[in-house]
Amino acid sequence: MSKARGLADLGNAFDDGALSNRNILINGNFSVSQRGDFTTASTWGSGYLSYSLDRWTIKRSSMTGTIQDLGNRVKVVASTPTGTDQMMIQQNIEDKNIDVHAGKTLTLSALVKTNRSDCRLMYELSGDTGWMGRNIDVSNNEHSGSGSDERLTATFYLPSNMTGVAVRVYVGFDTEDSVGNISLTAGDYFEAAEVQLEVGDTATPFEHEPYSVTLQKCLRYFELIGAADSSTYITQSTAAVYGNSTSCFGLPCKVEKRAYPTVTTGTLNFFTSSGWISSVIGVSASRSNAFFGLTGYTDNRLVRGYAIVDAEL
């Protein structure tokens, strides 16, 4: 078969939907953002890794900057670099999604725009001494710094034994041949869109899956039950009594979480004879429900507000 015929067949298969579900990454077009509205530039949260748009974190050492949702793409800007640093977006891949590809060739691709020539795609396999901290030094995996969109691609290999190996991928500024810091200037930026990781040595067109499908995948790791906006608070009756002095209620998750989550209250209020009160305590959580209680009351009552359920890697 000729190469032209092979490419034509690949294009036809793509058009017919035969290449669906090939992106190992989740939210590669940055369409889901449960943690907030980042349509205006927002300062990174505290911590070395800060989650923003679903499944993506900012990785840096000590600098500050902003992240912005531009509509199916994300923009990251350095504000106050301190000496040398890294500035990348990162996704940790769950073992259930990556271990099935042990021993295979993978290709990472993304549409990238930046003002620097050291913006690239990267991967890291940690936990396996022979594979730790590998970046990819190939000709089509470094942006020219032109300020225009360029399609970057990079190919790497998974070990045949994935036991104890954690896989993560990056887009952003880092050294060429290993994980390390570079000298950044205030205003340095990159934009990323259509980030895809797939089996094979060739990048195929980005898989634009329905928003509802991407959201379902994201909900396995993070969910807001209810809403922070008081106009859309959930309201429901409490379901049981916990102990002798606590009215207990459960908030069901839309999707079962990948592991037992950390659950915190955003704003949760009970209705009493004195009106809505907020002395809510955490009780327990399963992979499908968050349970809370109100001390001093033992009967069923209305509850409103929202809770944060976090099972991120």
C-alpha atoms as a PDB file:
ATOM      1  CA  MET A   1       0.000   0.000   0.000  1.00  0.00           C
ATOM      2  CA  SER A   2       1.321   3.476  -0.887  1.00  0.00           C
ATOM      3  CA  LYS A   3       1.861   6.100   1.798  1.00  0.00           C
ATOM      4  CA  ALA A   4      -0.724   8.348   0.103  1.00  0.00           C
ATOM      5  CA  ARG A   5      -3.302   5.554   0.197  1.00  0.00           C
ATOM      6  CA  GLY A   6      -2.478   4.841   3.830  1.00  0.00           C
ATOM      7  CA  LEU A   7      -2.969   8.468   4.786  1.00  0.00           C
ATOM      8  CA  ALA A   8      -6.239   8.572   2.856  1.00  0.00           C
ATOM      9  CA  ASP A   9      -7.491   5.487   4.685  1.00  0.00           C
ATOM     10  CA  LEU A  10      -6.480   7.050   8.001  1.00  0.00           C
ATOM     11  CA  GLY A  11      -8.402  10.203   7.117  1.00  0.00           C
ATOM     12  CA  ASN A  12     -11.466   8.186   6.195  1.00  0.00           C
ATOM     13  CA  ALA A  13     -11.279   6.227   9.426  1.00  0.00           C
ATOM     14  CA  PHE A  14     -11.069   9.492  11.351  1.00  0.00           C
ATOM     15  CA  ASP A  15     -14.082  10.939   9.525  1.00  0.00           C
ATOM     16  CA  ASP A  16     -16.066   7.753  10.210  1.00  0.00           C
ATOM     17  CA  GLY A  17     -15.311   7.883  13.934  1.00  0.00           C
ATOM     18  CA  ALA A  18     -13.175   4.738  13.975  1.00  0.00           C
ATOM     19  CA  LEU A  19     -10.383   6.563  15.787  1.00  0.00           C
ATOM     20  CA  SER A  20     -12.507   7.735  18.722  1.00  0.00           C
ATOM     21  CA  ASN A  21     -11.421   7.405  22.362  1.00  0.00           C
ATOM     22  CA  ARG A  22      -7.750   7.525  21.398  1.00  0.00           C
ATOM     23  CA  ASN A  23      -6.723  10.503  23.559  1.00  0.00           C
ATOM     24  CA  ILE A  24      -5.313   9.131  26.817  1.00  0.00           C
ATOM     25  CA  LEU A  25      -5.403  12.618  28.345  1.00  0.00           C
ATOM     26  CA  ILE A  26      -8.569  14.126  29.814  1.00  0.00           C
ATOM     27  CA  ASN A  27      -9.762  17.664  29.002  1.00  0.00           C
ATOM     28  CA  GLY A  28      -7.066  18.188  26.396  1.00  0.00           C
ATOM     29  CA  ASN A  29      -9.024  21.090  24.922  1.00  0.00           C
ATOM     30  CA  PHE A  30      -9.538  22.750  28.343  1.00  0.00           C
ATOM     31  CA  SER A  31     -13.317  22.872  27.987  1.00  0.00           C
ATOM     32  CA  VAL A  32     -14.163  21.813  31.568  1.00  0.00           C
ATOM     33  CA  SER A  33     -13.447  24.190  34.456  1.00  0.00           C
ATOM     34  CA  GLN A  34     -15.325  23.215  37.621  1.00  0.00           C
ATOM     35  CA  ARG A  35     -13.046  25.126  39.982  1.00  0.00           C
ATOM     36  CA  GLY A  36     -13.960  28.542  38.673  1.00  0.00           C
ATOM     37  CA  ASP A  37     -14.175  30.947  35.790  1.00  0.00           C
ATOM     38  CA  PHE A  38     -10.687  31.615  34.423  1.00  0.00           C
ATOM     39  CA  THR A  39     -11.815  33.676  31.409  1.00  0.00           C
ATOM     40  CA  THR A  40      -9.906  36.616  32.905  1.00  0.00           C
ATOM     41  CA  ALA A  41      -6.274  36.121  33.896  1.00  0.00           C
ATOM     42  CA  SER A  42      -6.214  34.544  37.369  1.00  0.00           C
ATOM     43  CA  THR A  43      -3.277  34.280  39.753  1.00  0.00           C
ATOM     44  CA  TRP A  44      -2.068  30.744  40.436  1.00  0.00           C
ATOM     45  CA  GLY A  45      -3.200  29.173  43.661  1.00  0.00           C
ATOM     46  CA  SER A  46      -0.853  28.371  46.509  1.00  0.00           C
ATOM     47  CA  GLY A  47       1.400  25.339  46.424  1.00  0.00           C
ATOM     48  CA  TYR A  48       3.950  23.795  44.087  1.00  0.00           C
ATOM     49  CA  LEU A  49       1.198  22.248  41.962  1.00  0.00           C
ATOM     50  CA  SER A  50      -2.047  24.195  41.646  1.00  0.00           C
ATOM     51  CA  TYR A  51      -5.124  22.787  39.932  1.00  0.00           C
ATOM     52  CA  SER A  52      -7.034  25.156  37.671  1.00  0.00           C
ATOM     53  CA  LEU A  53      -8.942  23.836  34.663  1.00  0.00           C
ATOM     54  CA  ASP A  54      -9.959  20.242  35.293  1.00  0.00           C
ATOM     55  CA  ARG A  55      -7.161  17.648  35.386  1.00  0.00           C
ATOM     56  CA  TRP A  56      -4.439  20.262  34.763  1.00  0.00           C
ATOM     57  CA  THR A  57      -2.018  21.757  37.264  1.00  0.00           C
ATOM     58  CA  ILE A  58       0.546  24.554  37.079  1.00  0.00           C
ATOM     59  CA  LYS A  59       4.070  23.397  37.897  1.00  0.00           C
ATOM     60  CA  ARG A  60       6.749  25.860  39.011  1.00  0.00           C
ATOM     61  CA  SER A  61       9.224  26.276  41.869  1.00  0.00           C
ATOM     62  CA  SER A  62       8.633  29.694  43.434  1.00  0.00           C
ATOM     63  CA  MET A  63       7.548  32.199  40.786  1.00  0.00           C
ATOM     64  CA  THR A  64       4.064  33.689  40.384  1.00  0.00           C
ATOM     65  CA  GLY A  65       1.962  34.161  37.288  1.00  0.00           C
ATOM     66  CA  THR A  66      -1.503  33.946  35.798  1.00  0.00           C
ATOM     67  CA  ILE A  67      -3.605  31.410  33.953  1.00  0.00           C
ATOM     68  CA  GLN A  68      -6.440  32.248  31.573  1.00  0.00           C
ATOM     69  CA  ASP A  69      -9.099  30.239  29.758  1.00  0.00           C
ATOM     70  CA  LEU A  70      -9.245  31.568  26.189  1.00  0.00           C
ATOM     71  CA  GLY A  71     -11.934  29.153  25.065  1.00  0.00           C
ATOM     72  CA  ASN A  72     -10.644  25.643  24.292  1.00  0.00           C
ATOM     73  CA  ARG A  73      -7.100  26.829  24.974  1.00  0.00           C
ATOM     74  CA  VAL A  74      -5.206  28.020  28.024  1.00  0.00           C
ATOM     75  CA  LYS A  75      -2.719  30.876  28.413  1.00  0.00           C
ATOM     76  CA  VAL A  76      -0.041  30.913  31.123  1.00  0.00           C
ATOM     77  CA  VAL A  77       1.991  34.090  31.809  1.00  0.00           C
ATOM     78  CA  ALA A  78       4.978  34.661  34.104  1.00  0.00           C
ATOM     79  CA  SER A  79       4.504  37.603  36.491  1.00  0.00           C
ATOM     80  CA  THR A  80       7.405  37.597  38.950  1.00  0.00           C
ATOM     81  CA  PRO A  81      10.099  35.044  38.087  1.00  0.00           C
ATOM     82  CA  THR A  82      12.675  34.522  40.825  1.00  0.00           C
ATOM     83  CA  GLY A  83      15.992  33.591  39.211  1.00  0.00           C
ATOM     84  CA  THR A  84      15.535  30.433  37.178  1.00  0.00           C
ATOM     85  CA  ASP A  85      12.326  28.448  37.272  1.00  0.00           C
ATOM     86  CA  GLN A  86       9.959  26.150  35.416  1.00  0.00           C
ATOM     87  CA  MET A  87       6.545  27.149  34.091  1.00  0.00           C
ATOM     88  CA  MET A  88       4.440  24.318  32.759  1.00  0.00           C
ATOM     89  CA  ILE A  89       0.993  22.804  32.757  1.00  0.00           C
ATOM     90  CA  GLN A  90       0.961  19.179  33.856  1.00  0.00           C
ATOM     91  CA  GLN A  91      -1.424  16.234  33.800  1.00  0.00           C
ATOM     92  CA  ASN A  92      -0.918  13.141  35.934  1.00  0.00           C
ATOM     93  CA  ILE A  93      -2.285  10.036  34.206  1.00  0.00           C
ATOM     94  CA  GLU A  94      -4.117   7.429  36.238  1.00  0.00           C
ATOM     95  CA  ASP A  95      -2.556   3.968  36.074  1.00  0.00           C
ATOM     96  CA  LYS A  96      -5.808   2.452  34.780  1.00  0.00           C
ATOM     97  CA  ASN A  97      -5.567   4.681  31.704  1.00  0.00           C
ATOM     98  CA  ILE A  98      -1.872   4.198  30.939  1.00  0.00           C
ATOM     99  CA  ASP A  99      -0.791   0.726  32.128  1.00  0.00           C
ATOM    100  CA  VAL A 100      -2.764  -0.986  29.345  1.00  0.00           C
ATOM    101  CA  HIS A 101      -0.295   0.583  26.900  1.00  0.00           C
ATOM    102  CA  ALA A 102       2.843  -0.888  28.506  1.00  0.00           C
ATOM    103  CA  GLY A 103       5.616  -1.512  25.981  1.00  0.00           C
ATOM    104  CA  LYS A 104       3.999   0.678  23.326  1.00  0.00           C
ATOM    105  CA  THR A 105       5.078   3.800  21.457  1.00  0.00           C
ATOM    106  CA  LEU A 106       3.120   6.937  22.400  1.00  0.00           C
ATOM    107  CA  THR A 107       2.898  10.296  20.654  1.00  0.00           C
ATOM    108  CA  LEU A 108       2.210  13.558  22.482  1.00  0.00           C
ATOM    109  CA  SER A 109       1.004  16.523  20.432  1.00  0.00           C
ATOM    110  CA  ALA A 110      -0.297  20.044  21.062  1.00  0.00           C
ATOM    111  CA  LEU A 111      -0.981  23.337  19.348  1.00  0.00           C
ATOM    112  CA  VAL A 112       1.320  25.867  21.042  1.00  0.00           C
ATOM    113  CA  LYS A 113       1.854  29.623  20.807  1.00  0.00           C
ATOM    114  CA  THR A 114       4.662  31.382  22.717  1.00  0.00           C
ATOM    115  CA  ASN A 115       7.214  34.198  22.673  1.00  0.00           C
ATOM    116  CA  ARG A 116      10.129  31.897  23.559  1.00  0.00           C
ATOM    117  CA  SER A 117      12.013  29.186  21.699  1.00  0.00           C
ATOM    118  CA  ASP A 118      12.388  26.889  24.716  1.00  0.00           C
ATOM    119  CA  CYS A 119       8.723  25.945  25.034  1.00  0.00           C
ATOM    120  CA  ARG A 120       8.280  22.226  24.440  1.00  0.00           C
ATOM    121  CA  LEU A 121       6.351  19.045  25.201  1.00  0.00           C
ATOM    122  CA  MET A 122       7.687  16.794  27.937  1.00  0.00           C
ATOM    123  CA  TYR A 123       6.973  13.567  29.754  1.00  0.00           C
ATOM    124  CA  GLU A 124       8.134  11.989  32.997  1.00  0.00           C
ATOM    125  CA  LEU A 125       8.079   8.396  34.178  1.00  0.00           C
ATOM    126  CA  SER A 126       8.764   8.331  37.901  1.00  0.00           C
ATOM    127  CA  GLY A 127       9.286   5.279  40.053  1.00  0.00           C
ATOM    128  CA  ASP A 128      11.344   3.383  37.487  1.00  0.00           C
ATOM    129  CA  THR A 129      15.008   4.385  37.921  1.00  0.00           C
ATOM    130  CA  GLY A 130      15.885   3.670  34.310  1.00  0.00           C
ATOM    131  CA  TRP A 131      13.199   5.993  32.985  1.00  0.00           C
ATOM    132  CA  MET A 132      12.894   8.882  35.419  1.00  0.00           C
ATOM    133  CA  GLY A 133      12.784  12.527  34.350  1.00  0.00           C
ATOM    134  CA  ARG A 134      13.027  12.184  30.579  1.00  0.00           C
ATOM    135  CA  ASN A 135      12.333  15.198  28.397  1.00  0.00           C
ATOM    136  CA  ILE A 136      12.216  14.856  24.632  1.00  0.00           C
ATOM    137  CA  ASP A 137      14.888  16.488  22.452  1.00  0.00           C
ATOM    138  CA  VAL A 138      13.630  16.246  18.857  1.00  0.00           C
ATOM    139  CA  SER A 139      13.393  18.786  16.057  1.00  0.00           C
ATOM    140  CA  ASN A 140       9.586  19.130  15.978  1.00  0.00           C
ATOM    141  CA  ASN A 141       9.247  19.456  19.729  1.00  0.00           C
ATOM    142  CA  GLU A 142      10.501  23.001  20.303  1.00  0.00           C
ATOM    143  CA  HIS A 143       8.599  26.147  19.419  1.00  0.00           C
ATOM    144  CA  SER A 144      10.363  28.787  17.302  1.00  0.00           C
ATOM    145  CA  GLY A 145       9.216  31.587  19.626  1.00  0.00           C
ATOM    146  CA  SER A 146       7.467  33.349  16.739  1.00  0.00           C
ATOM    147  CA  GLY A 147       4.307  34.131  18.699  1.00  0.00           C
ATOM    148  CA  SER A 148       2.241  32.092  16.243  1.00  0.00           C
ATOM    149  CA  ASP A 149       0.538  28.708  16.598  1.00  0.00           C
ATOM    150  CA  GLU A 150       2.797  25.752  15.869  1.00  0.00           C
ATOM    151  CA  ARG A 151       1.942  22.064  16.131  1.00  0.00           C
ATOM    152  CA  LEU A 152       4.487  20.329  18.363  1.00  0.00           C
ATOM    153  CA  THR A 153       4.796  16.546  18.512  1.00  0.00           C
ATOM    154  CA  ALA A 154       6.993  14.162  20.449  1.00  0.00           C
ATOM    155  CA  THR A 155       7.229  10.374  20.564  1.00  0.00           C
ATOM    156  CA  PHE A 156       8.360   8.249  23.505  1.00  0.00           C
ATOM    157  CA  TYR A 157       8.114   4.680  24.746  1.00  0.00           C
ATOM    158  CA  LEU A 158       6.600   3.052  27.806  1.00  0.00           C
ATOM    159  CA  PRO A 159       8.467   0.265  29.610  1.00  0.00           C
ATOM    160  CA  SER A 160       7.033  -3.221  29.252  1.00  0.00           C
ATOM    161  CA  ASN A 161       6.645  -3.435  33.029  1.00  0.00           C
ATOM    162  CA  MET A 162       4.646  -0.500  34.395  1.00  0.00           C
ATOM    163  CA  THR A 163       4.592  -1.696  38.002  1.00  0.00           C
ATOM    164  CA  GLY A 164       5.232   1.313  40.254  1.00  0.00           C
ATOM    165  CA  VAL A 165       5.633   3.711  37.304  1.00  0.00           C
ATOM    166  CA  ALA A 166       3.707   7.007  37.404  1.00  0.00           C
ATOM    167  CA  VAL A 167       3.316   8.875  34.111  1.00  0.00           C
ATOM    168  CA  ARG A 168       2.788  12.599  33.631  1.00  0.00           C
ATOM    169  CA  VAL A 169       3.025  14.935  30.667  1.00  0.00           C
ATOM    170  CA  TYR A 170       3.858  18.641  30.403  1.00  0.00           C
ATOM    171  CA  VAL A 171       3.583  21.612  28.078  1.00  0.00           C
ATOM    172  CA  GLY A 172       5.705  24.671  28.809  1.00  0.00           C
ATOM    173  CA  PHE A 173       9.163  26.033  29.611  1.00  0.00           C
ATOM    174  CA  ASP A 174      11.871  23.662  30.756  1.00  0.00           C
ATOM    175  CA  THR A 175      15.436  22.653  29.889  1.00  0.00           C
ATOM    176  CA  GLU A 176      15.999  20.614  26.758  1.00  0.00           C
ATOM    177  CA  ASP A 177      17.536  17.343  27.901  1.00  0.00           C
ATOM    178  CA  SER A 178      16.354  16.919  31.514  1.00  0.00           C
ATOM    179  CA  VAL A 179      13.901  18.344  34.021  1.00  0.00           C
ATOM    180  CA  GLY A 180      15.377  21.681  35.128  1.00  0.00           C
ATOM    181  CA  ASN A 181      14.889  25.422  35.468  1.00  0.00           C
ATOM    182  CA  ILE A 182      15.452  28.133  32.884  1.00  0.00           C
ATOM    183  CA  SER A 183      15.758  31.920  33.084  1.00  0.00           C
ATOM    184  CA  LEU A 184      12.326  33.510  32.624  1.00  0.00           C
ATOM    185  CA  THR A 185      11.282  37.155  32.268  1.00  0.00           C
ATOM    186  CA  ALA A 186       8.044  38.790  33.397  1.00  0.00           C
ATOM    187  CA  GLY A 187       5.584  38.621  30.517  1.00  0.00           C
ATOM    188  CA  ASP A 188       6.927  35.372  29.052  1.00  0.00           C
ATOM    189  CA  TYR A 189       3.928  33.256  28.087  1.00  0.00           C
ATOM    190  CA  PHE A 190       2.674  30.207  26.293  1.00  0.00           C
ATOM    191  CA  GLU A 191      -0.731  29.126  25.042  1.00  0.00           C
ATOM    192  CA  ALA A 192      -1.720  25.494  24.597  1.00  0.00           C
ATOM    193  CA  ALA A 193      -4.630  23.822  22.827  1.00  0.00           C
ATOM    194  CA  GLU A 194      -5.553  20.383  21.512  1.00  0.00           C
ATOM    195  CA  VAL A 195      -3.186  18.463  23.802  1.00  0.00           C
ATOM    196  CA  GLN A 196      -3.346  14.783  22.920  1.00  0.00           C
ATOM    197  CA  LEU A 197      -1.500  11.611  23.938  1.00  0.00           C
ATOM    198  CA  GLU A 198      -2.156   8.542  21.811  1.00  0.00           C
ATOM    199  CA  VAL A 199      -0.748   5.155  20.887  1.00  0.00           C
ATOM    200  CA  GLY A 200       1.519   5.096  17.836  1.00  0.00           C
ATOM    201  CA  ASP A 201       4.370   7.094  16.334  1.00  0.00           C
ATOM    202  CA  THR A 202       2.175   9.601  14.450  1.00  0.00           C
ATOM    203  CA  ALA A 203       0.010  12.438  15.761  1.00  0.00           C
ATOM    204  CA  THR A 204      -3.538  12.213  14.396  1.00  0.00           C
ATOM    205  CA  PRO A 205      -6.058  15.102  14.298  1.00  0.00           C
ATOM    206  CA  PHE A 206      -7.220  16.169  17.748  1.00  0.00           C
ATOM    207  CA  GLU A 207     -10.233  14.262  19.010  1.00  0.00           C
ATOM    208  CA  HIS A 208     -13.022  16.769  19.717  1.00  0.00           C
ATOM    209  CA  GLU A 209     -15.308  14.752  21.964  1.00  0.00           C
ATOM    210  CA  PRO A 210     -18.633  16.135  23.256  1.00  0.00           C
ATOM    211  CA  TYR A 211     -18.422  18.377  26.327  1.00  0.00           C
ATOM    212  CA  SER A 212     -20.708  16.000  28.241  1.00  0.00           C
ATOM    213  CA  VAL A 213     -18.253  13.137  27.695  1.00  0.00           C
ATOM    214  CA  THR A 214     -15.272  15.185  28.882  1.00  0.00           C
ATOM    215  CA  LEU A 215     -17.213  16.374  31.940  1.00  0.00           C
ATOM    216  CA  GLN A 216     -18.087  12.796  32.925  1.00  0.00           C
ATOM    217  CA  LYS A 217     -14.399  11.872  32.791  1.00  0.00           C
ATOM    218  CA  CYS A 218     -13.427  14.903  34.892  1.00  0.00           C
ATOM    219  CA  LEU A 219     -16.088  14.204  37.522  1.00  0.00           C
ATOM    220  CA  ARG A 220     -14.309  10.978  38.432  1.00  0.00           C
ATOM    221  CA  TYR A 221     -11.540  13.131  39.941  1.00  0.00           C
ATOM    222  CA  PHE A 222     -13.262  16.310  41.142  1.00  0.00           C
ATOM    223  CA  GLU A 223     -16.808  17.537  41.678  1.00  0.00           C
ATOM    224  CA  LEU A 224     -18.691  20.439  43.144  1.00  0.00           C
ATOM    225  CA  ILE A 225     -21.926  19.077  44.600  1.00  0.00           C
ATOM    226  CA  GLY A 226     -24.316  21.994  44.465  1.00  0.00           C
ATOM    227  CA  ALA A 227     -23.090  25.460  43.546  1.00  0.00           C
ATOM    228  CA  ALA A 228     -21.319  28.395  45.166  1.00  0.00           C
ATOM    229  CA  ASP A 229     -23.904  30.780  43.740  1.00  0.00           C
ATOM    230  CA  SER A 230     -26.673  31.185  46.337  1.00  0.00           C
ATOM    231  CA  SER A 231     -29.256  31.385  43.569  1.00  0.00           C
ATOM    232  CA  THR A 232     -28.450  27.802  42.580  1.00  0.00           C
ATOM    233  CA  TYR A 233     -27.835  26.222  45.993  1.00  0.00           C
ATOM    234  CA  ILE A 234     -29.074  22.662  46.266  1.00  0.00           C
ATOM    235  CA  THR A 235     -31.881  22.150  48.773  1.00  0.00           C
ATOM    236  CA  GLN A 236     -32.798  18.759  50.136  1.00  0.00           C
ATOM    237  CA  SER A 237     -33.973  17.032  53.285  1.00  0.00           C
ATOM    238  CA  THR A 238     -31.552  15.358  55.673  1.00  0.00           C
ATOM    239  CA  ALA A 239     -31.777  11.600  55.574  1.00  0.00           C
ATOM    240  CA  ALA A 240     -30.699  10.154  58.919  1.00  0.00           C
ATOM    241  CA  VAL A 241     -29.581  10.790  62.461  1.00  0.00           C
ATOM    242  CA  TYR A 242     -25.909  10.318  63.352  1.00  0.00           C
ATOM    243  CA  GLY A 243     -25.323   9.432  67.007  1.00  0.00           C
ATOM    244  CA  ASN A 244     -27.460  11.123  69.643  1.00  0.00           C
ATOM    245  CA  SER A 245     -26.914  14.760  68.803  1.00  0.00           C
ATOM    246  CA  THR A 246     -26.246  15.162  65.087  1.00  0.00           C
ATOM    247  CA  SER A 247     -28.632  15.415  62.163  1.00  0.00           C
ATOM    248  CA  CYS A 248     -26.848  13.734  59.216  1.00  0.00           C
ATOM    249  CA  PHE A 249     -27.359  14.059  55.488  1.00  0.00           C
ATOM    250  CA  GLY A 250     -25.732  12.702  52.349  1.00  0.00           C
ATOM    251  CA  LEU A 251     -24.981  14.491  49.097  1.00  0.00           C
ATOM    252  CA  PRO A 252     -24.766  12.029  46.195  1.00  0.00           C
ATOM    253  CA  CYS A 253     -21.988  12.406  43.630  1.00  0.00           C
ATOM    254  CA  LYS A 254     -22.870  12.456  39.945  1.00  0.00           C
ATOM    255  CA  VAL A 255     -20.022  10.027  39.179  1.00  0.00           C
ATOM    256  CA  GLU A 256     -18.281   7.507  41.420  1.00  0.00           C
ATOM    257  CA  LYS A 257     -14.819   8.812  42.285  1.00  0.00           C
ATOM    258  CA  ARG A 258     -11.635   6.965  41.380  1.00  0.00           C
ATOM    259  CA  ALA A 259     -10.766   6.671  45.106  1.00  0.00           C
ATOM    260  CA  TYR A 260     -12.137   7.759  48.482  1.00  0.00           C
ATOM    261  CA  PRO A 261     -12.193  11.558  48.151  1.00  0.00           C
ATOM    262  CA  THR A 262     -11.319  14.445  50.408  1.00  0.00           C
ATOM    263  CA  VAL A 263     -14.574  16.257  51.112  1.00  0.00           C
ATOM    264  CA  THR A 264     -14.887  19.810  52.402  1.00  0.00           C
ATOM    265  CA  THR A 265     -17.800  22.193  52.711  1.00  0.00           C
ATOM    266  CA  GLY A 266     -17.941  25.274  50.559  1.00  0.00           C
ATOM    267  CA  THR A 267     -21.131  26.725  52.005  1.00  0.00           C
ATOM    268  CA  LEU A 268     -23.577  24.335  53.666  1.00  0.00           C
ATOM    269  CA  ASN A 269     -26.478  25.539  55.806  1.00  0.00           C
ATOM    270  CA  PHE A 270     -29.246  23.815  57.739  1.00  0.00           C
ATOM    271  CA  PHE A 271     -32.704  25.302  58.210  1.00  0.00           C
ATOM    272  CA  THR A 272     -33.776  25.721  61.856  1.00  0.00           C
ATOM    273  CA  SER A 273     -36.380  27.708  63.743  1.00  0.00           C
ATOM    274  CA  SER A 274     -33.833  30.531  63.738  1.00  0.00           C
ATOM    275  CA  GLY A 275     -33.395  30.384  59.972  1.00  0.00           C
ATOM    276  CA  TRP A 276     -30.446  29.043  57.997  1.00  0.00           C
ATOM    277  CA  ILE A 277     -27.394  28.236  60.166  1.00  0.00           C
ATOM    278  CA  SER A 278     -23.942  27.067  59.101  1.00  0.00           C
ATOM    279  CA  SER A 279     -22.496  24.976  61.960  1.00  0.00           C
ATOM    280  CA  VAL A 280     -21.921  21.990  59.672  1.00  0.00           C
ATOM    281  CA  ILE A 281     -19.466  19.220  60.513  1.00  0.00           C
ATOM    282  CA  GLY A 282     -17.942  16.627  58.235  1.00  0.00           C
ATOM    283  CA  VAL A 283     -18.903  13.040  59.031  1.00  0.00           C
ATOM    284  CA  SER A 284     -17.600  10.693  56.340  1.00  0.00           C
ATOM    285  CA  ALA A 285     -17.363  10.068  52.613  1.00  0.00           C
ATOM    286  CA  SER A 286     -17.633   7.187  50.195  1.00  0.00           C
ATOM    287  CA  ARG A 287     -16.703   7.131  46.525  1.00  0.00           C
ATOM    288  CA  SER A 288     -20.314   7.952  45.697  1.00  0.00           C
ATOM    289  CA  ASN A 289     -21.518  10.208  48.524  1.00  0.00           C
ATOM    290  CA  ALA A 290     -20.410  12.960  50.876  1.00  0.00           C
ATOM    291  CA  PHE A 291     -21.923  12.886  54.366  1.00  0.00           C
ATOM    292  CA  PHE A 292     -22.265  15.852  56.736  1.00  0.00           C
ATOM    293  CA  GLY A 293     -24.057  16.648  59.954  1.00  0.00           C
ATOM    294  CA  LEU A 294     -25.420  19.401  62.175  1.00  0.00           C
ATOM    295  CA  THR A 295     -24.517  19.169  65.860  1.00  0.00           C
ATOM    296  CA  GLY A 296     -27.310  19.723  68.345  1.00  0.00           C
ATOM    297  CA  TYR A 297     -30.163  18.604  66.096  1.00  0.00           C
ATOM    298  CA  THR A 298     -31.458  15.072  65.689  1.00  0.00           C
ATOM    299  CA  ASP A 299     -34.352  15.468  63.293  1.00  0.00           C
ATOM    300  CA  ASN A 300     -34.530  15.744  59.527  1.00  0.00           C
ATOM    301  CA  ARG A 301     -33.964  19.246  58.185  1.00  0.00           C
ATOM    302  CA  LEU A 302     -33.429  21.047  54.924  1.00  0.00           C
ATOM    303  CA  VAL A 303     -29.864  21.678  53.790  1.00  0.00           C
ATOM    304  CA  ARG A 304     -28.626  24.010  51.077  1.00  0.00           C
ATOM    305  CA  GLY A 305     -25.254  24.992  49.648  1.00  0.00           C
ATOM    306  CA  TYR A 306     -22.400  23.060  48.069  1.00  0.00           C
ATOM    307  CA  ALA A 307     -19.525  20.720  48.906  1.00  0.00           C
ATOM    308  CA  ILE A 308     -16.134  20.070  47.307  1.00  0.00           C
ATOM    309  CA  VAL A 309     -15.268  16.435  46.518  1.00  0.00           C
ATOM    310  CA  ASP A 310     -11.632  15.921  45.505  1.00  0.00           C
ATOM    311  CA  ALA A 311     -10.092  12.626  44.361  1.00  0.00           C
ATOM    312  CA  GLU A 312      -7.305  14.051  42.174  1.00  0.00           C
ATOM    313  CA  LEU A 313      -4.021  12.188  41.716  1.00  0.00           C
END
